[in-house]
Amino acid sequence: MLRSIGAIALGFLVIGCLAFGTDAAIRSTVPQHFGAGGRLDDVGLLLLTQLYVFVYATFGCWLTARLAPSRPMRHALILGALGLAFNVAGTIAMWDTAPAWYHVVALALVMPAAWLGGWLRERQLARGAGQLAAA
């Protein structure tokens, strides 16, 4: 149980650190694209943000699945559900910082990223089992 909690917590922290770190780097690199109150309307930067957050979330969920003592997909999806809850709260709190479509897409991508991370780990395990059986 403790190992499961640790795997989920570590995945959550990795995603958060990578996403917030990249956000900070972008804000300091191109501050002219951010309006009053930090609002971002630049479609290119918004799409870039969606992309890197999706990649980070997939990686974090894969990491959680990798560290999970059993049922990797279940652990990845639990992290996804936790991430979705935090994203809903963040979306409500920061609704005015981006166009509505951005928030809707961000919320819609959380669980697919979690599933993909879990699936990648399960695929690794299946390949490993197949290689062991062939040996």
C-alpha atoms as a PDB file:
ATOM      1  CA  MET A   1       0.000   0.000   0.000  1.00  0.00           C
ATOM      2  CA  LEU A   2       2.777   2.415   0.923  1.00  0.00           C
ATOM      3  CA  ARG A   3       4.612   1.652  -2.307  1.00  0.00           C
ATOM      4  CA  SER A   4       1.443   2.379  -4.285  1.00  0.00           C
ATOM      5  CA  ILE A   5       0.968   5.715  -2.560  1.00  0.00           C
ATOM      6  CA  GLY A   6       4.620   6.572  -3.123  1.00  0.00           C
ATOM      7  CA  ALA A   7       4.419   5.710  -6.821  1.00  0.00           C
ATOM      8  CA  ILE A   8       1.353   7.898  -7.295  1.00  0.00           C
ATOM      9  CA  ALA A   9       2.797  10.758  -5.245  1.00  0.00           C
ATOM     10  CA  LEU A  10       6.086  10.683  -7.145  1.00  0.00           C
ATOM     11  CA  GLY A  11       4.310  10.690 -10.504  1.00  0.00           C
ATOM     12  CA  PHE A  12       2.193  13.627  -9.366  1.00  0.00           C
ATOM     13  CA  LEU A  13       5.260  15.573  -8.227  1.00  0.00           C
ATOM     14  CA  VAL A  14       7.182  14.843 -11.419  1.00  0.00           C
ATOM     15  CA  ILE A  15       4.329  16.070 -13.602  1.00  0.00           C
ATOM     16  CA  GLY A  16       3.863  19.184 -11.483  1.00  0.00           C
ATOM     17  CA  CYS A  17       7.550  20.076 -11.345  1.00  0.00           C
ATOM     18  CA  LEU A  18       8.056  19.586 -15.073  1.00  0.00           C
ATOM     19  CA  ALA A  19       4.907  21.494 -16.053  1.00  0.00           C
ATOM     20  CA  PHE A  20       5.346  24.398 -13.646  1.00  0.00           C
ATOM     21  CA  GLY A  21       9.058  24.598 -14.424  1.00  0.00           C
ATOM     22  CA  THR A  22       8.421  24.760 -18.153  1.00  0.00           C
ATOM     23  CA  ASP A  23       5.646  27.315 -17.613  1.00  0.00           C
ATOM     24  CA  ALA A  24       8.040  29.512 -15.635  1.00  0.00           C
ATOM     25  CA  ALA A  25      10.735  29.193 -18.296  1.00  0.00           C
ATOM     26  CA  ILE A  26       8.308  30.174 -21.050  1.00  0.00           C
ATOM     27  CA  ARG A  27       6.940  33.111 -19.061  1.00  0.00           C
ATOM     28  CA  SER A  28      10.444  34.437 -18.471  1.00  0.00           C
ATOM     29  CA  THR A  29      11.518  33.847 -22.077  1.00  0.00           C
ATOM     30  CA  VAL A  30       8.556  35.460 -23.844  1.00  0.00           C
ATOM     31  CA  PRO A  31       6.839  37.739 -21.307  1.00  0.00           C
ATOM     32  CA  GLN A  32       5.440  39.913 -24.102  1.00  0.00           C
ATOM     33  CA  HIS A  33       2.941  37.158 -24.975  1.00  0.00           C
ATOM     34  CA  PHE A  34       1.275  37.370 -21.572  1.00  0.00           C
ATOM     35  CA  GLY A  35      -1.311  40.035 -20.907  1.00  0.00           C
ATOM     36  CA  ALA A  36      -2.611  41.588 -17.735  1.00  0.00           C
ATOM     37  CA  GLY A  37      -2.982  39.074 -14.945  1.00  0.00           C
ATOM     38  CA  GLY A  38      -0.868  36.574 -16.876  1.00  0.00           C
ATOM     39  CA  ARG A  39      -3.510  35.940 -19.547  1.00  0.00           C
ATOM     40  CA  LEU A  40      -2.245  34.046 -22.567  1.00  0.00           C
ATOM     41  CA  ASP A  41      -4.089  34.236 -25.886  1.00  0.00           C
ATOM     42  CA  ASP A  42      -1.277  33.217 -28.247  1.00  0.00           C
ATOM     43  CA  VAL A  43      -2.621  30.070 -29.919  1.00  0.00           C
ATOM     44  CA  GLY A  44       0.856  28.745 -30.689  1.00  0.00           C
ATOM     45  CA  LEU A  45       1.965  28.965 -27.071  1.00  0.00           C
ATOM     46  CA  LEU A  46      -1.324  27.525 -25.862  1.00  0.00           C
ATOM     47  CA  LEU A  47      -0.934  24.525 -28.178  1.00  0.00           C
ATOM     48  CA  LEU A  48       2.697  24.128 -27.123  1.00  0.00           C
ATOM     49  CA  THR A  49       1.564  24.124 -23.506  1.00  0.00           C
ATOM     50  CA  GLN A  50      -1.051  21.466 -24.246  1.00  0.00           C
ATOM     51  CA  LEU A  51       1.619  19.360 -25.940  1.00  0.00           C
ATOM     52  CA  TYR A  52       4.262  19.484 -23.238  1.00  0.00           C
ATOM     53  CA  VAL A  53       1.764  18.996 -20.425  1.00  0.00           C
ATOM     54  CA  PHE A  54       0.378  15.943 -22.241  1.00  0.00           C
ATOM     55  CA  VAL A  55       3.894  14.535 -22.668  1.00  0.00           C
ATOM     56  CA  TYR A  56       4.768  15.231 -19.025  1.00  0.00           C
ATOM     57  CA  ALA A  57       1.492  13.711 -17.808  1.00  0.00           C
ATOM     58  CA  THR A  58       2.044  10.614 -19.927  1.00  0.00           C
ATOM     59  CA  PHE A  59       5.575  10.294 -18.560  1.00  0.00           C
ATOM     60  CA  GLY A  60       4.452  10.823 -14.962  1.00  0.00           C
ATOM     61  CA  CYS A  61       1.738   8.201 -15.313  1.00  0.00           C
ATOM     62  CA  TRP A  62       4.196   5.809 -16.954  1.00  0.00           C
ATOM     63  CA  LEU A  63       6.592   6.397 -14.054  1.00  0.00           C
ATOM     64  CA  THR A  64       3.814   5.715 -11.567  1.00  0.00           C
ATOM     65  CA  ALA A  65       2.912   2.524 -13.420  1.00  0.00           C
ATOM     66  CA  ARG A  66       6.596   1.547 -13.532  1.00  0.00           C
ATOM     67  CA  LEU A  67       7.004   1.982  -9.778  1.00  0.00           C
ATOM     68  CA  ALA A  68       3.670   0.395  -8.880  1.00  0.00           C
ATOM     69  CA  PRO A  69       3.966  -2.939  -7.071  1.00  0.00           C
ATOM     70  CA  SER A  70       1.137  -4.394  -9.209  1.00  0.00           C
ATOM     71  CA  ARG A  71      -1.645  -3.325 -11.577  1.00  0.00           C
ATOM     72  CA  PRO A  72       0.270  -0.608 -13.428  1.00  0.00           C
ATOM     73  CA  MET A  73      -2.723   0.642 -15.412  1.00  0.00           C
ATOM     74  CA  ARG A  74      -4.786   1.039 -12.271  1.00  0.00           C
ATOM     75  CA  HIS A  75      -2.075   3.153 -10.648  1.00  0.00           C
ATOM     76  CA  ALA A  76      -1.717   5.315 -13.765  1.00  0.00           C
ATOM     77  CA  LEU A  77      -5.470   5.888 -13.895  1.00  0.00           C
ATOM     78  CA  ILE A  78      -5.629   6.737 -10.198  1.00  0.00           C
ATOM     79  CA  LEU A  79      -2.960   9.364 -10.817  1.00  0.00           C
ATOM     80  CA  GLY A  80      -5.000  10.563 -13.791  1.00  0.00           C
ATOM     81  CA  ALA A  81      -8.113  10.916 -11.630  1.00  0.00           C
ATOM     82  CA  LEU A  82      -6.112  12.808  -9.018  1.00  0.00           C
ATOM     83  CA  GLY A  83      -4.688  15.027 -11.740  1.00  0.00           C
ATOM     84  CA  LEU A  84      -8.148  15.615 -13.170  1.00  0.00           C
ATOM     85  CA  ALA A  85      -9.450  16.720  -9.773  1.00  0.00           C
ATOM     86  CA  PHE A  86      -6.574  19.173  -9.373  1.00  0.00           C
ATOM     87  CA  ASN A  87      -6.997  20.384 -12.954  1.00  0.00           C
ATOM     88  CA  VAL A  88     -10.696  21.060 -12.425  1.00  0.00           C
ATOM     89  CA  ALA A  89      -9.860  23.122  -9.344  1.00  0.00           C
ATOM     90  CA  GLY A  90      -7.092  24.933 -11.219  1.00  0.00           C
ATOM     91  CA  THR A  91      -9.343  25.595 -14.186  1.00  0.00           C
ATOM     92  CA  ILE A  92     -11.985  27.147 -11.957  1.00  0.00           C
ATOM     93  CA  ALA A  93      -9.406  29.291 -10.179  1.00  0.00           C
ATOM     94  CA  MET A  94      -7.629  30.389 -13.358  1.00  0.00           C
ATOM     95  CA  TRP A  95     -10.471  30.524 -15.875  1.00  0.00           C
ATOM     96  CA  ASP A  96      -9.599  34.063 -16.973  1.00  0.00           C
ATOM     97  CA  THR A  97      -5.964  33.261 -17.830  1.00  0.00           C
ATOM     98  CA  ALA A  98      -6.694  31.562 -21.173  1.00  0.00           C
ATOM     99  CA  PRO A  99      -9.511  31.080 -23.685  1.00  0.00           C
ATOM    100  CA  ALA A 100     -12.261  28.635 -22.739  1.00  0.00           C
ATOM    101  CA  TRP A 101     -11.241  26.130 -25.448  1.00  0.00           C
ATOM    102  CA  TYR A 102      -7.827  25.789 -23.823  1.00  0.00           C
ATOM    103  CA  HIS A 103      -9.299  24.785 -20.473  1.00  0.00           C
ATOM    104  CA  VAL A 104     -11.754  22.352 -22.049  1.00  0.00           C
ATOM    105  CA  VAL A 105      -9.013  20.658 -24.066  1.00  0.00           C
ATOM    106  CA  ALA A 106      -6.687  20.546 -21.058  1.00  0.00           C
ATOM    107  CA  LEU A 107      -9.323  18.769 -18.982  1.00  0.00           C
ATOM    108  CA  ALA A 108     -10.200  16.421 -21.837  1.00  0.00           C
ATOM    109  CA  LEU A 109      -6.569  15.306 -22.233  1.00  0.00           C
ATOM    110  CA  VAL A 110      -5.891  14.335 -18.611  1.00  0.00           C
ATOM    111  CA  MET A 111      -7.317  10.821 -18.650  1.00  0.00           C
ATOM    112  CA  PRO A 112      -6.027   9.913 -22.133  1.00  0.00           C
ATOM    113  CA  ALA A 113      -2.515  10.860 -20.964  1.00  0.00           C
ATOM    114  CA  ALA A 114      -2.954   8.694 -17.868  1.00  0.00           C
ATOM    115  CA  TRP A 115      -4.213   5.789 -19.950  1.00  0.00           C
ATOM    116  CA  LEU A 116      -1.338   6.161 -22.422  1.00  0.00           C
ATOM    117  CA  GLY A 117       1.222   6.147 -19.607  1.00  0.00           C
ATOM    118  CA  GLY A 118      -0.301   2.994 -18.140  1.00  0.00           C
ATOM    119  CA  TRP A 119      -0.592   1.350 -21.550  1.00  0.00           C
ATOM    120  CA  LEU A 120       3.056   2.047 -22.357  1.00  0.00           C
ATOM    121  CA  ARG A 121       4.093   0.350 -19.124  1.00  0.00           C
ATOM    122  CA  GLU A 122       1.822  -2.630 -19.706  1.00  0.00           C
ATOM    123  CA  ARG A 123       3.232  -2.951 -23.212  1.00  0.00           C
ATOM    124  CA  GLN A 124       6.769  -2.974 -21.785  1.00  0.00           C
ATOM    125  CA  LEU A 125       5.788  -5.698 -19.355  1.00  0.00           C
ATOM    126  CA  ALA A 126       4.156  -7.764 -22.102  1.00  0.00           C
ATOM    127  CA  ARG A 127       7.246  -7.484 -24.285  1.00  0.00           C
ATOM    128  CA  GLY A 128       9.448  -8.504 -21.377  1.00  0.00           C
ATOM    129  CA  ALA A 129       7.254 -11.509 -20.635  1.00  0.00           C
ATOM    130  CA  GLY A 130       7.304 -12.477 -24.307  1.00  0.00           C
ATOM    131  CA  GLN A 131      11.081 -12.285 -24.411  1.00  0.00           C
ATOM    132  CA  LEU A 132      11.371 -14.382 -21.257  1.00  0.00           C
ATOM    133  CA  ALA A 133       9.030 -17.021 -22.664  1.00  0.00           C
ATOM    134  CA  ALA A 134      11.033 -17.198 -25.892  1.00  0.00           C
ATOM    135  CA  ALA A 135      14.316 -17.689 -24.039  1.00  0.00           C
END
